[in-house]
Amino acid sequence: MQSIGDFAENLILGQVEDIKEGKSLPPKLEEAKATANAPAKDISNIKVPDEMMQEILGEGFHPQDTPASEGFPELVWEEPEEEVPAPEPMQLTEETGKELVSLLEEVKGMVADLKEMTTAGGLGVNLGGPCKDPMKKIKPKGYISPTSSRKTNSRKAILKQSIKRRFR
């Protein structure tokens, strides 16, 4: 007689041989195939309580107790708009016509000047005006200018000068 362990071992080895030979699918693939072929469940008629929605969604949940409206509400203004009276038209006289013609000629001249400035490069990108050259602040690098040996004859004075130069 065989024990239960031997029976389980023979069963598993048989399944492994079937999988190697291509007679059956591995257990995970069989489960996946079975769930893929299962009919989808209809969840359209399930009602979720408002308390559960409030718990899950938190502050973003607002219960919809009222049915959806079919149209948009009309905006009603209680304060009537005040009608602003139109200014009375002025009669064009010879004086006002001459003033308008002179103003129009001045505007045309300004437009022509502006076109000339933009096409000739008179109106540049630097509208701030000239400024100091920032490169003049940089000191030229090079050799240290020699000091006169007449002022510093002792070794101690020369050492002090070299230390001062180092810390500059």
N, C-alpha and C. Protein backbone atom coordinates (compact mmCIF):
# COMPACT_ATOMS: atom_id res chain seq x y z
N MET A 1 0.80 -1.17 0.00
CA MET A 1 0.00 0.00 0.00
C MET A 1 0.86 1.25 0.00
N GLN A 2 0.33 2.21 -0.71
CA GLN A 2 1.04 3.49 -0.76
C GLN A 2 0.43 4.45 0.26
N SER A 3 1.24 5.36 0.70
CA SER A 3 0.73 6.36 1.65
C SER A 3 0.13 7.53 0.88
N ILE A 4 -0.48 8.43 1.59
CA ILE A 4 -1.10 9.61 0.98
C ILE A 4 -0.03 10.49 0.36
N GLY A 5 1.14 10.56 0.98
CA GLY A 5 2.23 11.37 0.45
C GLY A 5 2.69 10.85 -0.90
N ASP A 6 2.79 9.49 -1.04
CA ASP A 6 3.18 8.91 -2.32
C ASP A 6 2.13 9.19 -3.39
N PHE A 7 0.87 9.13 -3.02
CA PHE A 7 -0.21 9.40 -3.97
C PHE A 7 -0.14 10.85 -4.45
N ALA A 8 0.09 11.82 -3.54
CA ALA A 8 0.18 13.23 -3.91
C ALA A 8 1.38 13.47 -4.79
N GLU A 9 2.50 12.77 -4.47
CA GLU A 9 3.71 12.94 -5.29
C GLU A 9 3.45 12.44 -6.71
N ASN A 10 2.83 11.28 -6.86
CA ASN A 10 2.52 10.74 -8.19
C ASN A 10 1.57 11.67 -8.96
N LEU A 11 0.62 12.26 -8.25
CA LEU A 11 -0.32 13.17 -8.89
C LEU A 11 0.39 14.42 -9.41
N ILE A 12 1.28 15.00 -8.61
CA ILE A 12 2.03 16.21 -9.01
C ILE A 12 2.99 15.88 -10.14
N LEU A 13 3.69 14.74 -10.06
CA LEU A 13 4.61 14.38 -11.13
C LEU A 13 3.86 14.14 -12.44
N GLY A 14 2.67 13.59 -12.36
CA GLY A 14 1.85 13.39 -13.56
C GLY A 14 1.46 14.71 -14.19
N GLN A 15 1.09 15.69 -13.36
CA GLN A 15 0.75 17.01 -13.88
C GLN A 15 1.96 17.68 -14.53
N VAL A 16 3.14 17.54 -13.91
CA VAL A 16 4.35 18.14 -14.46
C VAL A 16 4.69 17.53 -15.81
N GLU A 17 4.55 16.19 -15.94
CA GLU A 17 4.82 15.53 -17.22
C GLU A 17 3.85 15.98 -18.30
N ASP A 18 2.56 16.14 -17.91
CA ASP A 18 1.57 16.62 -18.88
C ASP A 18 1.90 18.03 -19.35
N ILE A 19 2.37 18.87 -18.45
CA ILE A 19 2.73 20.25 -18.81
C ILE A 19 3.94 20.24 -19.74
N LYS A 20 4.95 19.39 -19.44
CA LYS A 20 6.15 19.31 -20.29
C LYS A 20 5.80 18.80 -21.68
N GLU A 21 4.88 17.86 -21.78
CA GLU A 21 4.51 17.30 -23.07
C GLU A 21 3.53 18.22 -23.82
N GLY A 22 2.97 19.22 -23.16
CA GLY A 22 2.04 20.15 -23.80
C GLY A 22 0.61 19.67 -23.79
N LYS A 23 0.29 18.66 -22.98
CA LYS A 23 -1.07 18.16 -22.92
C LYS A 23 -1.97 19.05 -22.08
N SER A 24 -1.42 19.77 -21.12
CA SER A 24 -2.24 20.64 -20.27
C SER A 24 -1.47 21.92 -19.96
N LEU A 25 -2.18 22.92 -19.44
CA LEU A 25 -1.59 24.20 -19.08
C LEU A 25 -1.15 24.18 -17.62
N PRO A 26 -0.20 25.06 -17.25
CA PRO A 26 0.17 25.18 -15.85
C PRO A 26 -1.03 25.65 -15.03
N PRO A 27 -1.05 25.39 -13.72
CA PRO A 27 -2.22 25.71 -12.89
C PRO A 27 -2.59 27.20 -12.92
N LYS A 28 -1.62 28.08 -12.92
CA LYS A 28 -1.92 29.52 -12.92
C LYS A 28 -2.60 29.92 -14.22
N LEU A 29 -2.13 29.37 -15.35
CA LEU A 29 -2.74 29.70 -16.63
C LEU A 29 -4.15 29.11 -16.75
N GLU A 30 -4.36 27.96 -16.15
CA GLU A 30 -5.70 27.38 -16.17
C GLU A 30 -6.68 28.25 -15.39
N GLU A 31 -6.21 28.80 -14.23
CA GLU A 31 -7.06 29.69 -13.44
C GLU A 31 -7.37 30.96 -14.22
N ALA A 32 -6.35 31.49 -14.89
CA ALA A 32 -6.54 32.71 -15.66
C ALA A 32 -7.51 32.47 -16.82
N LYS A 33 -7.41 31.32 -17.45
CA LYS A 33 -8.30 30.98 -18.56
C LYS A 33 -9.73 30.82 -18.06
N ALA A 34 -9.88 30.23 -16.89
CA ALA A 34 -11.21 30.02 -16.34
C ALA A 34 -11.86 31.36 -15.97
N THR A 35 -11.09 32.31 -15.40
CA THR A 35 -11.66 33.61 -15.03
C THR A 35 -11.92 34.46 -16.26
N ALA A 36 -11.12 34.30 -17.32
CA ALA A 36 -11.34 35.08 -18.54
C ALA A 36 -12.61 34.65 -19.25
N ASN A 37 -12.95 33.38 -19.17
CA ASN A 37 -14.14 32.86 -19.85
C ASN A 37 -15.40 33.03 -19.01
N ALA A 38 -15.26 33.44 -17.76
CA ALA A 38 -16.42 33.60 -16.89
C ALA A 38 -17.23 34.82 -17.34
N PRO A 39 -18.53 34.76 -17.22
CA PRO A 39 -19.35 35.91 -17.63
C PRO A 39 -19.15 37.09 -16.67
N ALA A 40 -19.20 38.32 -17.20
CA ALA A 40 -19.02 39.51 -16.38
C ALA A 40 -20.25 39.73 -15.51
N LYS A 41 -20.03 40.17 -14.30
CA LYS A 41 -21.13 40.40 -13.37
C LYS A 41 -21.72 41.78 -13.63
N ASP A 42 -23.04 41.87 -13.56
CA ASP A 42 -23.75 43.13 -13.76
C ASP A 42 -23.83 43.86 -12.43
N ILE A 43 -23.18 45.03 -12.34
CA ILE A 43 -23.18 45.79 -11.09
C ILE A 43 -23.95 47.10 -11.25
N SER A 44 -24.74 47.24 -12.30
CA SER A 44 -25.43 48.50 -12.56
C SER A 44 -26.54 48.77 -11.56
N ASN A 45 -27.12 47.76 -10.95
CA ASN A 45 -28.24 47.97 -10.03
C ASN A 45 -27.84 47.98 -8.57
N ILE A 46 -26.56 48.04 -8.28
CA ILE A 46 -26.10 48.03 -6.89
C ILE A 46 -26.18 49.44 -6.33
N LYS A 47 -26.76 49.58 -5.16
CA LYS A 47 -26.90 50.87 -4.50
C LYS A 47 -25.87 50.97 -3.39
N VAL A 48 -25.12 52.09 -3.38
CA VAL A 48 -24.11 52.32 -2.35
C VAL A 48 -24.67 53.37 -1.40
N PRO A 49 -24.68 53.09 -0.09
CA PRO A 49 -25.23 54.06 0.86
C PRO A 49 -24.40 55.34 0.92
N ASP A 50 -25.08 56.45 1.24
CA ASP A 50 -24.40 57.74 1.32
C ASP A 50 -23.34 57.77 2.41
N GLU A 51 -23.57 57.05 3.51
CA GLU A 51 -22.59 57.03 4.60
C GLU A 51 -21.27 56.42 4.14
N MET A 52 -21.36 55.35 3.33
CA MET A 52 -20.15 54.70 2.84
C MET A 52 -19.42 55.61 1.84
N MET A 53 -20.18 56.30 0.98
CA MET A 53 -19.58 57.23 0.04
C MET A 53 -18.89 58.37 0.78
N GLN A 54 -19.52 58.88 1.84
CA GLN A 54 -18.93 59.96 2.63
C GLN A 54 -17.63 59.49 3.29
N GLU A 55 -17.63 58.25 3.78
CA GLU A 55 -16.44 57.70 4.45
C GLU A 55 -15.28 57.54 3.47
N ILE A 56 -15.58 57.08 2.26
CA ILE A 56 -14.53 56.83 1.27
C ILE A 56 -14.04 58.13 0.64
N LEU A 57 -14.97 58.98 0.20
CA LEU A 57 -14.59 60.18 -0.54
C LEU A 57 -14.28 61.38 0.34
N GLY A 58 -14.72 61.37 1.57
CA GLY A 58 -14.41 62.45 2.50
C GLY A 58 -15.14 63.74 2.15
N GLU A 59 -14.42 64.85 2.13
CA GLU A 59 -15.03 66.16 1.92
C GLU A 59 -15.54 66.35 0.50
N GLY A 60 -15.02 65.59 -0.45
CA GLY A 60 -15.40 65.77 -1.85
C GLY A 60 -16.77 65.21 -2.18
N PHE A 61 -17.43 64.55 -1.24
CA PHE A 61 -18.72 63.92 -1.53
C PHE A 61 -19.86 64.84 -1.15
N HIS A 62 -20.78 65.04 -2.08
CA HIS A 62 -22.00 65.79 -1.83
C HIS A 62 -23.16 64.92 -2.30
N PRO A 63 -24.05 64.49 -1.39
CA PRO A 63 -25.12 63.59 -1.80
C PRO A 63 -26.07 64.27 -2.78
N GLN A 64 -26.52 63.50 -3.75
CA GLN A 64 -27.42 64.00 -4.78
C GLN A 64 -28.84 63.52 -4.47
N ASP A 65 -29.50 64.20 -3.56
CA ASP A 65 -30.87 63.82 -3.19
C ASP A 65 -31.87 64.28 -4.24
N THR A 66 -31.58 65.39 -4.89
CA THR A 66 -32.52 65.92 -5.88
C THR A 66 -32.22 65.31 -7.24
N PRO A 67 -33.23 65.09 -8.05
CA PRO A 67 -32.98 64.55 -9.38
C PRO A 67 -32.32 65.59 -10.28
N ALA A 68 -31.64 65.13 -11.31
CA ALA A 68 -30.94 66.03 -12.22
C ALA A 68 -31.96 66.86 -12.99
N SER A 69 -31.65 68.14 -13.18
CA SER A 69 -32.57 69.02 -13.90
C SER A 69 -32.36 68.86 -15.40
N GLU A 70 -33.42 69.13 -16.14
CA GLU A 70 -33.34 68.95 -17.58
C GLU A 70 -32.74 70.16 -18.28
N GLY A 71 -32.88 71.34 -17.73
CA GLY A 71 -32.38 72.54 -18.40
C GLY A 71 -31.58 73.40 -17.44
N PHE A 72 -31.05 74.48 -17.97
CA PHE A 72 -30.29 75.41 -17.16
C PHE A 72 -31.23 76.47 -16.59
N PRO A 73 -31.01 76.89 -15.35
CA PRO A 73 -31.88 77.94 -14.79
C PRO A 73 -31.56 79.27 -15.46
N GLU A 74 -32.57 80.09 -15.59
CA GLU A 74 -32.38 81.40 -16.19
C GLU A 74 -31.92 82.38 -15.12
N LEU A 75 -31.01 83.25 -15.51
CA LEU A 75 -30.52 84.26 -14.59
C LEU A 75 -31.47 85.45 -14.61
N VAL A 76 -31.91 85.87 -13.44
CA VAL A 76 -32.84 86.98 -13.33
C VAL A 76 -32.16 88.07 -12.53
N TRP A 77 -32.08 89.24 -13.11
CA TRP A 77 -31.50 90.39 -12.42
C TRP A 77 -32.64 91.21 -11.86
N GLU A 78 -32.57 91.47 -10.58
CA GLU A 78 -33.63 92.25 -9.95
C GLU A 78 -33.44 93.74 -10.18
N GLU A 79 -32.19 94.18 -10.27
CA GLU A 79 -31.93 95.59 -10.48
C GLU A 79 -31.94 95.87 -11.98
N PRO A 80 -32.78 96.74 -12.42
CA PRO A 80 -32.76 97.06 -13.85
C PRO A 80 -31.53 97.90 -14.18
N GLU A 81 -31.01 97.69 -15.35
CA GLU A 81 -29.83 98.44 -15.77
C GLU A 81 -30.23 99.87 -16.09
N GLU A 82 -29.42 100.78 -15.62
CA GLU A 82 -29.69 102.18 -15.88
C GLU A 82 -29.23 102.52 -17.29
N GLU A 83 -30.09 103.16 -18.01
CA GLU A 83 -29.73 103.54 -19.37
C GLU A 83 -28.93 104.83 -19.32
N VAL A 84 -27.77 104.79 -19.93
CA VAL A 84 -26.92 105.97 -19.98
C VAL A 84 -27.31 106.75 -21.23
N PRO A 85 -27.70 107.98 -21.06
CA PRO A 85 -28.09 108.74 -22.25
C PRO A 85 -26.88 108.99 -23.14
N ALA A 86 -27.08 108.84 -24.42
CA ALA A 86 -26.01 109.05 -25.38
C ALA A 86 -25.71 110.54 -25.46
N PRO A 87 -24.41 110.87 -25.57
CA PRO A 87 -24.10 112.30 -25.67
C PRO A 87 -24.66 112.86 -26.97
N GLU A 88 -25.05 114.09 -26.88
CA GLU A 88 -25.61 114.72 -28.06
C GLU A 88 -24.51 114.96 -29.08
N PRO A 89 -24.78 114.66 -30.35
CA PRO A 89 -23.75 114.87 -31.37
C PRO A 89 -23.48 116.35 -31.57
N MET A 90 -22.18 116.64 -31.73
CA MET A 90 -21.78 118.04 -31.95
C MET A 90 -21.75 118.30 -33.44
N GLN A 91 -22.01 119.50 -33.79
CA GLN A 91 -21.93 119.86 -35.19
C GLN A 91 -20.49 120.15 -35.54
N LEU A 92 -20.08 119.69 -36.70
CA LEU A 92 -18.71 119.89 -37.16
C LEU A 92 -18.63 121.26 -37.81
N THR A 93 -17.82 122.07 -37.17
CA THR A 93 -17.64 123.42 -37.72
C THR A 93 -16.30 123.48 -38.42
N GLU A 94 -16.03 124.60 -39.01
CA GLU A 94 -14.77 124.77 -39.75
C GLU A 94 -13.58 124.75 -38.80
N GLU A 95 -13.73 125.32 -37.61
CA GLU A 95 -12.64 125.35 -36.63
C GLU A 95 -12.28 123.94 -36.14
N THR A 96 -13.30 123.17 -35.75
CA THR A 96 -13.03 121.82 -35.26
C THR A 96 -12.48 120.94 -36.38
N GLY A 97 -12.89 121.16 -37.61
CA GLY A 97 -12.35 120.40 -38.75
C GLY A 97 -10.87 120.68 -38.93
N LYS A 98 -10.47 121.96 -38.81
CA LYS A 98 -9.04 122.32 -38.96
C LYS A 98 -8.22 121.70 -37.83
N GLU A 99 -8.77 121.71 -36.60
CA GLU A 99 -8.06 121.10 -35.47
C GLU A 99 -7.87 119.60 -35.69
N LEU A 100 -8.92 118.94 -36.17
CA LEU A 100 -8.83 117.51 -36.42
C LEU A 100 -7.83 117.20 -37.53
N VAL A 101 -7.79 118.00 -38.56
CA VAL A 101 -6.85 117.78 -39.67
C VAL A 101 -5.42 117.95 -39.18
N SER A 102 -5.16 118.98 -38.35
CA SER A 102 -3.80 119.18 -37.85
C SER A 102 -3.38 118.03 -36.92
N LEU A 103 -4.30 117.55 -36.09
CA LEU A 103 -3.99 116.42 -35.21
C LEU A 103 -3.72 115.16 -36.02
N LEU A 104 -4.49 114.96 -37.07
CA LEU A 104 -4.30 113.79 -37.92
C LEU A 104 -2.94 113.82 -38.61
N GLU A 105 -2.53 115.00 -39.09
CA GLU A 105 -1.21 115.12 -39.73
C GLU A 105 -0.10 114.84 -38.72
N GLU A 106 -0.27 115.30 -37.48
CA GLU A 106 0.74 115.06 -36.44
C GLU A 106 0.87 113.56 -36.14
N VAL A 107 -0.25 112.87 -36.07
CA VAL A 107 -0.23 111.43 -35.81
C VAL A 107 0.44 110.70 -36.97
N LYS A 108 0.15 111.08 -38.20
CA LYS A 108 0.78 110.45 -39.36
C LYS A 108 2.29 110.64 -39.32
N GLY A 109 2.73 111.84 -38.91
CA GLY A 109 4.17 112.10 -38.82
C GLY A 109 4.82 111.23 -37.76
N MET A 110 4.15 111.06 -36.63
CA MET A 110 4.70 110.22 -35.56
C MET A 110 4.79 108.76 -36.01
N VAL A 111 3.80 108.29 -36.73
CA VAL A 111 3.82 106.91 -37.23
C VAL A 111 4.97 106.72 -38.20
N ALA A 112 5.19 107.69 -39.08
CA ALA A 112 6.28 107.60 -40.04
C ALA A 112 7.63 107.58 -39.32
N ASP A 113 7.79 108.43 -38.28
CA ASP A 113 9.04 108.45 -37.52
C ASP A 113 9.27 107.12 -36.81
N LEU A 114 8.22 106.56 -36.26
CA LEU A 114 8.35 105.28 -35.56
C LEU A 114 8.74 104.17 -36.52
N LYS A 115 8.15 104.15 -37.71
CA LYS A 115 8.53 103.14 -38.70
C LYS A 115 9.99 103.27 -39.08
N GLU A 116 10.45 104.51 -39.25
CA GLU A 116 11.84 104.73 -39.63
C GLU A 116 12.78 104.29 -38.52
N MET A 117 12.40 104.56 -37.28
CA MET A 117 13.27 104.17 -36.16
C MET A 117 13.38 102.66 -36.05
N THR A 118 12.28 101.95 -36.25
CA THR A 118 12.33 100.50 -36.10
C THR A 118 13.03 99.83 -37.26
N THR A 119 12.91 100.37 -38.46
CA THR A 119 13.56 99.72 -39.61
C THR A 119 15.03 100.06 -39.68
N ALA A 120 15.43 101.25 -39.23
CA ALA A 120 16.84 101.65 -39.32
C ALA A 120 17.63 101.24 -38.10
N GLY A 121 17.01 100.67 -37.11
CA GLY A 121 17.73 100.23 -35.92
C GLY A 121 17.91 101.33 -34.90
N GLY A 122 17.21 102.43 -35.04
CA GLY A 122 17.32 103.53 -34.08
C GLY A 122 16.72 103.17 -32.74
N LEU A 123 15.80 102.25 -32.74
CA LEU A 123 15.16 101.83 -31.50
C LEU A 123 15.74 100.47 -31.14
N GLY A 124 16.74 100.45 -30.25
CA GLY A 124 17.43 99.20 -29.94
C GLY A 124 16.77 98.45 -28.80
N VAL A 125 17.42 97.38 -28.38
CA VAL A 125 16.88 96.56 -27.31
C VAL A 125 17.24 97.10 -25.94
N ASN A 126 18.29 97.92 -25.86
CA ASN A 126 18.71 98.46 -24.56
C ASN A 126 18.03 99.80 -24.37
N LEU A 127 16.88 99.78 -23.72
CA LEU A 127 16.17 101.02 -23.47
C LEU A 127 16.59 101.65 -22.15
N GLY A 128 17.53 101.04 -21.45
CA GLY A 128 17.98 101.55 -20.16
C GLY A 128 19.06 102.59 -20.29
N GLY A 129 19.65 102.76 -21.43
CA GLY A 129 20.70 103.75 -21.61
C GLY A 129 22.07 103.16 -21.34
N PRO A 130 23.11 103.98 -21.53
CA PRO A 130 24.48 103.48 -21.35
C PRO A 130 24.79 103.25 -19.88
N CYS A 131 25.71 102.34 -19.64
CA CYS A 131 26.14 102.04 -18.27
C CYS A 131 27.64 101.84 -18.26
N LYS A 132 28.19 101.72 -17.07
CA LYS A 132 29.63 101.51 -16.93
C LYS A 132 30.01 100.14 -17.46
N ASP A 133 31.24 100.03 -17.92
CA ASP A 133 31.72 98.77 -18.44
C ASP A 133 32.00 97.82 -17.28
N PRO A 134 31.32 96.68 -17.23
CA PRO A 134 31.52 95.77 -16.10
C PRO A 134 32.88 95.07 -16.14
N MET A 135 33.53 95.06 -17.27
CA MET A 135 34.82 94.37 -17.37
C MET A 135 35.96 95.21 -16.79
N LYS A 136 35.73 96.50 -16.56
CA LYS A 136 36.78 97.35 -16.00
C LYS A 136 37.03 97.05 -14.53
N LYS A 137 36.09 96.38 -13.86
CA LYS A 137 36.25 96.06 -12.45
C LYS A 137 37.28 94.96 -12.24
N ILE A 138 37.49 94.12 -13.24
CA ILE A 138 38.41 92.99 -13.11
C ILE A 138 39.83 93.51 -13.25
N LYS A 139 40.65 93.18 -12.26
CA LYS A 139 42.05 93.60 -12.30
C LYS A 139 42.83 92.66 -13.20
N PRO A 140 43.77 93.20 -13.94
CA PRO A 140 44.57 92.33 -14.81
C PRO A 140 45.45 91.40 -13.97
N LYS A 141 45.55 90.16 -14.41
CA LYS A 141 46.38 89.20 -13.69
C LYS A 141 47.74 89.14 -14.37
N GLY A 142 48.72 88.97 -13.57
CA GLY A 142 50.07 88.90 -14.13
C GLY A 142 51.07 88.78 -13.00
N TYR A 143 52.25 89.22 -13.30
CA TYR A 143 53.32 89.14 -12.30
C TYR A 143 53.15 90.23 -11.26
N ILE A 144 53.61 89.94 -10.05
CA ILE A 144 53.57 90.91 -8.97
C ILE A 144 54.66 91.93 -9.22
N SER A 145 54.29 93.20 -9.07
CA SER A 145 55.29 94.24 -9.32
C SER A 145 56.35 94.17 -8.22
N PRO A 146 57.57 94.34 -8.61
CA PRO A 146 58.66 94.23 -7.62
C PRO A 146 58.65 95.43 -6.67
N THR A 147 59.08 95.17 -5.44
CA THR A 147 59.19 96.24 -4.46
C THR A 147 60.64 96.62 -4.36
N SER A 148 60.81 97.81 -3.95
CA SER A 148 62.19 98.26 -3.84
C SER A 148 62.85 97.63 -2.62
N SER A 149 64.07 97.25 -2.78
CA SER A 149 64.79 96.58 -1.69
C SER A 149 65.35 97.59 -0.71
N ARG A 150 65.33 98.85 -1.06
CA ARG A 150 65.85 99.87 -0.15
C ARG A 150 64.97 100.00 1.08
N LYS A 151 63.63 99.85 0.89
CA LYS A 151 62.73 99.99 2.03
C LYS A 151 62.85 98.79 2.96
N THR A 152 63.03 97.62 2.41
CA THR A 152 63.05 96.41 3.23
C THR A 152 64.39 95.71 3.06
N ASN A 153 65.23 95.91 3.96
CA ASN A 153 66.52 95.27 3.91
C ASN A 153 66.57 94.01 4.76
N SER A 154 65.73 93.92 5.74
CA SER A 154 65.82 92.79 6.66
C SER A 154 64.96 91.63 6.16
N ARG A 155 65.32 90.47 6.62
CA ARG A 155 64.57 89.26 6.26
C ARG A 155 63.16 89.29 6.86
N LYS A 156 63.04 89.85 8.02
CA LYS A 156 61.77 89.92 8.71
C LYS A 156 60.78 90.79 7.92
N ALA A 157 61.22 91.89 7.39
CA ALA A 157 60.36 92.78 6.61
C ALA A 157 59.93 92.12 5.30
N ILE A 158 60.84 91.38 4.67
CA ILE A 158 60.50 90.68 3.42
C ILE A 158 59.45 89.60 3.70
N LEU A 159 59.58 88.89 4.80
CA LEU A 159 58.62 87.85 5.18
C LEU A 159 57.23 88.47 5.43
N LYS A 160 57.17 89.62 6.09
CA LYS A 160 55.91 90.29 6.35
C LYS A 160 55.23 90.69 5.04
N GLN A 161 56.03 91.20 4.11
CA GLN A 161 55.46 91.62 2.82
C GLN A 161 54.89 90.42 2.04
N SER A 162 55.59 89.31 2.07
CA SER A 162 55.09 88.14 1.33
C SER A 162 53.82 87.58 1.95
N ILE A 163 53.74 87.64 3.29
CA ILE A 163 52.52 87.19 3.96
C ILE A 163 51.35 88.11 3.61
N LYS A 164 51.60 89.42 3.57
CA LYS A 164 50.54 90.36 3.19
C LYS A 164 50.05 90.10 1.77
N ARG A 165 50.95 89.80 0.85
CA ARG A 165 50.57 89.51 -0.53
C ARG A 165 49.72 88.24 -0.63
N ARG A 166 50.05 87.25 0.22
CA ARG A 166 49.29 86.00 0.21
C ARG A 166 47.84 86.20 0.63
N PHE A 167 47.63 87.08 1.62
CA PHE A 167 46.29 87.26 2.15
C PHE A 167 45.47 88.30 1.38
N ARG A 168 46.00 88.89 0.33
CA ARG A 168 45.24 89.86 -0.46
C ARG A 168 44.20 89.20 -1.28
